[in-house]
């Protein structure tokens, strides 16, 4: 995956992402996510960018296992700040979608032409 160039391009990137705090919990979450296909990590002193192609799936059971402690939506909210893409919080995971069409069933996005 190559770095995106900023500019006037209106082409759809099919990317989504979130910024995590660079804390012990944030680092483990980033490492779990970075091991997934289509996910790229960019580390900074105080934060870690997690960028994914089409979908990022923060599965709470998977993250709880990696951390050795309970991980849930409130923990996700504590360690994350900015994001791009459609974010959907469920009881068992947080999903980020690059396209609102992919998130349609979760966000009530009507795909029919009226």
N, C-alpha and C. Protein backbone atom coordinates (compact mmCIF):
# COMPACT_ATOMS: atom_id res chain seq x y z
N UNK A 1 0.85 -1.17 0.00
CA UNK A 1 0.00 0.00 0.00
C UNK A 1 0.90 1.24 0.00
N UNK A 2 0.67 2.14 -0.89
CA UNK A 2 1.51 3.33 -0.97
C UNK A 2 0.87 4.49 -0.22
N UNK A 3 1.70 5.45 0.15
CA UNK A 3 1.20 6.64 0.84
C UNK A 3 0.36 7.46 -0.13
N UNK A 4 -0.69 8.05 0.40
CA UNK A 4 -1.57 8.87 -0.43
C UNK A 4 -0.98 10.28 -0.51
N UNK A 5 -1.11 10.89 -1.67
CA UNK A 5 -0.67 12.26 -1.87
C UNK A 5 -1.86 13.19 -1.61
N UNK A 6 -1.61 14.30 -0.92
CA UNK A 6 -2.65 15.28 -0.71
C UNK A 6 -2.75 16.15 -1.95
N UNK A 7 -3.92 16.63 -2.27
CA UNK A 7 -4.08 17.48 -3.43
C UNK A 7 -5.53 17.61 -3.82
N UNK A 8 -5.75 17.90 -5.08
CA UNK A 8 -7.10 18.17 -5.54
C UNK A 8 -7.77 16.94 -6.16
N UNK A 9 -7.17 15.78 -6.06
CA UNK A 9 -7.76 14.58 -6.63
C UNK A 9 -9.07 14.25 -5.93
N UNK A 10 -10.09 13.93 -6.71
CA UNK A 10 -11.38 13.56 -6.13
C UNK A 10 -11.64 12.06 -6.26
N UNK A 11 -10.62 11.33 -6.60
CA UNK A 11 -10.72 9.89 -6.76
C UNK A 11 -10.99 9.22 -5.41
N UNK A 12 -11.85 8.21 -5.39
CA UNK A 12 -12.20 7.48 -4.17
C UNK A 12 -11.01 6.61 -3.75
N UNK A 13 -10.53 6.77 -2.53
CA UNK A 13 -9.34 6.05 -2.07
C UNK A 13 -9.64 4.64 -1.58
N UNK A 14 -10.89 4.36 -1.19
CA UNK A 14 -11.27 3.08 -0.60
C UNK A 14 -10.50 2.80 0.69
N UNK A 15 -10.10 3.86 1.40
CA UNK A 15 -9.35 3.75 2.64
C UNK A 15 -10.18 4.30 3.81
N UNK A 16 -9.88 3.79 4.99
CA UNK A 16 -10.45 4.30 6.23
C UNK A 16 -9.36 4.19 7.29
N UNK A 17 -9.51 4.93 8.37
CA UNK A 17 -8.46 4.88 9.38
C UNK A 17 -8.83 5.57 10.66
N UNK A 18 -7.96 5.35 11.65
CA UNK A 18 -8.17 5.91 12.97
C UNK A 18 -6.80 6.22 13.58
N UNK A 19 -6.76 7.21 14.45
CA UNK A 19 -5.55 7.54 15.20
C UNK A 19 -5.72 7.00 16.62
N UNK A 20 -4.74 6.20 17.06
CA UNK A 20 -4.74 5.65 18.41
C UNK A 20 -3.67 6.34 19.24
N UNK A 21 -3.92 6.49 20.52
CA UNK A 21 -2.90 7.01 21.43
C UNK A 21 -1.79 5.97 21.53
N UNK A 22 -0.54 6.44 21.57
CA UNK A 22 0.61 5.55 21.70
C UNK A 22 0.84 5.25 23.18
N UNK A 23 -0.05 4.42 23.72
CA UNK A 23 0.01 3.96 25.11
C UNK A 23 0.20 2.44 25.07
N UNK A 24 0.42 1.79 26.20
CA UNK A 24 0.54 0.33 26.16
C UNK A 24 -0.67 -0.35 25.50
N UNK A 25 -1.87 0.08 25.81
CA UNK A 25 -3.07 -0.52 25.20
C UNK A 25 -3.15 -0.16 23.72
N UNK A 26 -2.93 1.11 23.39
CA UNK A 26 -2.97 1.54 22.01
C UNK A 26 -1.95 0.81 21.15
N UNK A 27 -0.77 0.56 21.69
CA UNK A 27 0.28 -0.15 20.96
C UNK A 27 -0.13 -1.58 20.65
N UNK A 28 -0.72 -2.29 21.62
CA UNK A 28 -1.16 -3.67 21.39
C UNK A 28 -2.27 -3.70 20.34
N UNK A 29 -3.22 -2.79 20.46
CA UNK A 29 -4.31 -2.73 19.47
C UNK A 29 -3.73 -2.49 18.08
N UNK A 30 -2.80 -1.56 17.96
CA UNK A 30 -2.17 -1.27 16.67
C UNK A 30 -1.43 -2.50 16.13
N UNK A 31 -0.73 -3.21 16.99
CA UNK A 31 0.00 -4.40 16.54
C UNK A 31 -0.95 -5.48 16.03
N UNK A 32 -2.07 -5.69 16.73
CA UNK A 32 -3.07 -6.67 16.28
C UNK A 32 -3.63 -6.24 14.92
N UNK A 33 -3.98 -4.98 14.80
CA UNK A 33 -4.56 -4.50 13.55
C UNK A 33 -3.54 -4.51 12.42
N UNK A 34 -2.29 -4.16 12.72
CA UNK A 34 -1.24 -4.11 11.72
C UNK A 34 -0.89 -5.46 11.13
N UNK A 35 -1.23 -6.54 11.83
CA UNK A 35 -0.97 -7.89 11.33
C UNK A 35 -2.02 -8.34 10.31
N UNK A 36 -3.09 -7.56 10.15
CA UNK A 36 -4.16 -7.92 9.22
C UNK A 36 -3.84 -7.46 7.80
N UNK A 37 -4.34 -8.20 6.82
CA UNK A 37 -4.14 -7.84 5.41
C UNK A 37 -4.75 -6.48 5.11
N UNK A 38 -4.04 -5.68 4.34
CA UNK A 38 -4.56 -4.39 3.90
C UNK A 38 -4.49 -3.29 4.93
N UNK A 39 -3.80 -3.53 6.07
CA UNK A 39 -3.70 -2.53 7.13
C UNK A 39 -2.26 -2.04 7.23
N UNK A 40 -2.13 -0.73 7.32
CA UNK A 40 -0.82 -0.10 7.42
C UNK A 40 -0.75 0.74 8.68
N UNK A 41 0.36 0.65 9.40
CA UNK A 41 0.57 1.45 10.61
C UNK A 41 1.59 2.54 10.32
N UNK A 42 1.36 3.72 10.88
CA UNK A 42 2.32 4.80 10.84
C UNK A 42 2.49 5.28 12.27
N UNK A 43 3.71 5.16 12.80
CA UNK A 43 3.94 5.49 14.20
C UNK A 43 4.54 6.88 14.36
N UNK A 44 4.02 7.60 15.34
CA UNK A 44 4.52 8.90 15.75
C UNK A 44 4.79 8.82 17.25
N UNK A 45 5.50 9.80 17.83
CA UNK A 45 5.80 9.71 19.26
C UNK A 45 4.58 9.54 20.17
N UNK A 46 3.49 10.25 19.88
CA UNK A 46 2.35 10.18 20.79
C UNK A 46 1.12 9.50 20.20
N UNK A 47 1.22 9.04 18.93
CA UNK A 47 0.04 8.41 18.32
C UNK A 47 0.47 7.40 17.26
N UNK A 48 -0.47 6.54 16.92
CA UNK A 48 -0.26 5.54 15.88
C UNK A 48 -1.44 5.62 14.93
N UNK A 49 -1.16 5.83 13.64
CA UNK A 49 -2.21 5.82 12.62
C UNK A 49 -2.42 4.39 12.17
N UNK A 50 -3.68 3.98 12.12
CA UNK A 50 -4.06 2.67 11.59
C UNK A 50 -4.93 2.94 10.37
N UNK A 51 -4.42 2.62 9.19
CA UNK A 51 -5.14 2.86 7.94
C UNK A 51 -5.41 1.52 7.27
N UNK A 52 -6.63 1.35 6.76
CA UNK A 52 -6.99 0.09 6.15
C UNK A 52 -7.70 0.25 4.83
N UNK A 53 -7.54 -0.74 4.01
CA UNK A 53 -8.21 -0.78 2.73
C UNK A 53 -9.62 -1.33 2.92
N UNK A 54 -10.63 -0.57 2.59
CA UNK A 54 -12.05 -0.91 2.60
C UNK A 54 -12.66 -1.01 3.99
N UNK A 55 -12.04 -1.76 4.92
CA UNK A 55 -12.67 -2.04 6.22
C UNK A 55 -11.62 -2.24 7.30
N UNK A 56 -11.86 -1.66 8.47
CA UNK A 56 -11.09 -1.98 9.67
C UNK A 56 -12.06 -2.60 10.67
N UNK A 57 -11.72 -3.77 11.17
CA UNK A 57 -12.58 -4.52 12.09
C UNK A 57 -11.85 -4.67 13.42
N UNK A 58 -12.24 -3.85 14.41
CA UNK A 58 -11.66 -3.92 15.75
C UNK A 58 -12.52 -4.89 16.57
N UNK A 59 -12.17 -6.16 16.52
CA UNK A 59 -12.92 -7.21 17.20
C UNK A 59 -12.52 -7.24 18.68
N UNK A 60 -13.49 -6.97 19.56
CA UNK A 60 -13.19 -6.83 20.98
C UNK A 60 -12.68 -8.12 21.61
N UNK A 61 -13.19 -9.29 21.21
CA UNK A 61 -12.70 -10.56 21.77
C UNK A 61 -11.24 -10.78 21.38
N UNK A 62 -10.91 -10.52 20.13
CA UNK A 62 -9.54 -10.67 19.65
C UNK A 62 -8.60 -9.72 20.40
N UNK A 63 -9.04 -8.48 20.59
CA UNK A 63 -8.22 -7.49 21.28
C UNK A 63 -8.11 -7.81 22.77
N UNK A 64 -9.18 -8.31 23.38
CA UNK A 64 -9.13 -8.72 24.79
C UNK A 64 -8.11 -9.84 24.98
N UNK A 65 -8.11 -10.81 24.07
CA UNK A 65 -7.14 -11.92 24.15
C UNK A 65 -5.71 -11.39 24.06
N UNK A 66 -5.46 -10.48 23.14
CA UNK A 66 -4.11 -9.95 22.95
C UNK A 66 -3.66 -9.12 24.15
N UNK A 67 -4.59 -8.40 24.76
CA UNK A 67 -4.26 -7.55 25.91
C UNK A 67 -4.20 -8.31 27.23
N UNK A 68 -4.93 -9.41 27.32
CA UNK A 68 -5.03 -10.12 28.59
C UNK A 68 -5.97 -9.44 29.56
N UNK A 69 -6.80 -8.55 29.06
CA UNK A 69 -7.80 -7.85 29.86
C UNK A 69 -8.95 -7.47 28.95
N UNK A 70 -10.07 -7.11 29.54
CA UNK A 70 -11.28 -6.78 28.78
C UNK A 70 -11.07 -5.54 27.90
N UNK A 71 -11.44 -5.66 26.64
CA UNK A 71 -11.43 -4.54 25.70
C UNK A 71 -12.84 -4.39 25.18
N UNK A 72 -13.37 -3.17 25.21
CA UNK A 72 -14.74 -2.93 24.73
C UNK A 72 -14.82 -1.55 24.08
N UNK A 73 -16.02 -1.14 23.75
CA UNK A 73 -16.22 0.13 23.07
C UNK A 73 -15.73 1.33 23.86
N UNK A 74 -15.87 1.29 25.17
CA UNK A 74 -15.39 2.43 25.96
C UNK A 74 -13.87 2.50 25.95
N UNK A 75 -13.20 1.36 25.95
CA UNK A 75 -11.74 1.35 25.84
C UNK A 75 -11.32 1.88 24.48
N UNK A 76 -12.03 1.45 23.44
CA UNK A 76 -11.73 1.96 22.09
C UNK A 76 -11.84 3.47 22.06
N UNK A 77 -12.90 4.02 22.65
CA UNK A 77 -13.10 5.46 22.67
C UNK A 77 -11.98 6.17 23.44
N UNK A 78 -11.49 5.54 24.51
CA UNK A 78 -10.43 6.14 25.32
C UNK A 78 -9.11 6.26 24.55
N UNK A 79 -8.80 5.27 23.72
CA UNK A 79 -7.49 5.26 23.05
C UNK A 79 -7.52 5.84 21.64
N UNK A 80 -8.69 6.15 21.11
CA UNK A 80 -8.78 6.66 19.75
C UNK A 80 -9.14 8.14 19.74
N UNK A 81 -8.72 8.80 18.66
CA UNK A 81 -9.13 10.20 18.50
C UNK A 81 -9.73 10.37 17.12
N UNK A 82 -9.02 10.94 16.20
CA UNK A 82 -9.60 11.21 14.88
C UNK A 82 -9.76 9.94 14.06
N UNK A 83 -10.71 9.98 13.16
CA UNK A 83 -10.89 8.86 12.23
C UNK A 83 -11.45 9.38 10.92
N UNK A 84 -11.33 8.58 9.87
CA UNK A 84 -12.01 8.87 8.61
C UNK A 84 -12.65 7.59 8.13
N UNK A 85 -13.78 7.72 7.47
CA UNK A 85 -14.59 6.57 7.09
C UNK A 85 -15.82 6.54 7.99
N UNK A 86 -16.73 5.65 7.69
CA UNK A 86 -17.95 5.48 8.49
C UNK A 86 -17.65 4.57 9.66
N UNK A 87 -17.81 5.09 10.87
CA UNK A 87 -17.54 4.30 12.08
C UNK A 87 -18.86 3.76 12.62
N UNK A 88 -18.88 2.46 12.90
CA UNK A 88 -20.05 1.80 13.45
C UNK A 88 -19.63 1.07 14.72
N UNK A 89 -20.26 1.39 15.84
CA UNK A 89 -19.99 0.71 17.11
C UNK A 89 -21.05 -0.36 17.34
N UNK A 90 -20.63 -1.58 17.52
CA UNK A 90 -21.51 -2.69 17.87
C UNK A 90 -21.10 -3.19 19.24
N UNK A 91 -21.88 -4.08 19.84
CA UNK A 91 -21.54 -4.61 21.15
C UNK A 91 -20.21 -5.36 21.15
N UNK A 92 -19.91 -6.06 20.06
CA UNK A 92 -18.74 -6.94 20.03
C UNK A 92 -17.58 -6.40 19.21
N UNK A 93 -17.76 -5.25 18.53
CA UNK A 93 -16.70 -4.72 17.69
C UNK A 93 -17.00 -3.30 17.26
N UNK A 94 -15.95 -2.63 16.79
CA UNK A 94 -16.09 -1.34 16.11
C UNK A 94 -15.60 -1.55 14.69
N UNK A 95 -16.38 -1.08 13.73
CA UNK A 95 -16.05 -1.21 12.32
C UNK A 95 -15.85 0.17 11.71
N UNK A 96 -14.86 0.29 10.84
CA UNK A 96 -14.69 1.50 10.03
C UNK A 96 -14.76 1.08 8.58
N UNK A 97 -15.63 1.75 7.83
CA UNK A 97 -15.84 1.45 6.42
C UNK A 97 -15.34 2.61 5.57
N UNK A 98 -14.66 2.33 4.49
CA UNK A 98 -14.23 3.37 3.56
C UNK A 98 -15.43 3.93 2.80
N UNK A 99 -16.39 3.08 2.51
CA UNK A 99 -17.52 3.47 1.68
C UNK A 99 -18.83 3.41 2.47
N UNK A 100 -19.67 4.44 2.38
CA UNK A 100 -20.96 4.37 3.07
C UNK A 100 -21.84 3.24 2.54
N UNK A 101 -21.65 2.87 1.26
CA UNK A 101 -22.42 1.76 0.71
C UNK A 101 -22.11 0.45 1.43
N UNK A 102 -20.84 0.25 1.80
CA UNK A 102 -20.46 -0.96 2.54
C UNK A 102 -21.04 -0.97 3.95
N UNK A 103 -21.27 0.22 4.50
CA UNK A 103 -21.81 0.35 5.86
C UNK A 103 -23.33 0.47 5.87
N UNK A 104 -23.97 0.42 4.71
CA UNK A 104 -25.39 0.72 4.56
C UNK A 104 -26.28 -0.02 5.55
N UNK A 105 -26.05 -1.32 5.74
CA UNK A 105 -26.93 -2.09 6.62
C UNK A 105 -26.82 -1.66 8.08
N UNK A 106 -25.70 -1.03 8.46
CA UNK A 106 -25.49 -0.61 9.84
C UNK A 106 -25.95 0.82 10.10
N UNK A 107 -25.88 1.68 9.08
CA UNK A 107 -26.14 3.11 9.31
C UNK A 107 -27.45 3.60 8.71
N UNK A 108 -28.23 2.69 8.13
CA UNK A 108 -29.51 3.08 7.57
C UNK A 108 -29.38 3.85 6.27
N UNK A 109 -28.28 3.64 5.57
CA UNK A 109 -28.03 4.29 4.27
C UNK A 109 -28.87 3.58 3.23
N UNK A 110 -29.76 4.32 2.58
CA UNK A 110 -30.67 3.73 1.59
C UNK A 110 -29.99 3.65 0.23
N UNK A 111 -29.76 2.44 -0.28
CA UNK A 111 -29.07 2.24 -1.54
C UNK A 111 -30.00 2.23 -2.75
N UNK A 112 -31.31 2.34 -2.53
CA UNK A 112 -32.25 2.30 -3.65
C UNK A 112 -32.40 3.67 -4.28
N UNK A 113 -32.62 3.69 -5.57
CA UNK A 113 -32.85 4.94 -6.30
C UNK A 113 -34.32 5.29 -6.15
N UNK A 114 -34.59 6.55 -5.80
CA UNK A 114 -35.99 6.98 -5.61
C UNK A 114 -36.46 7.80 -6.78
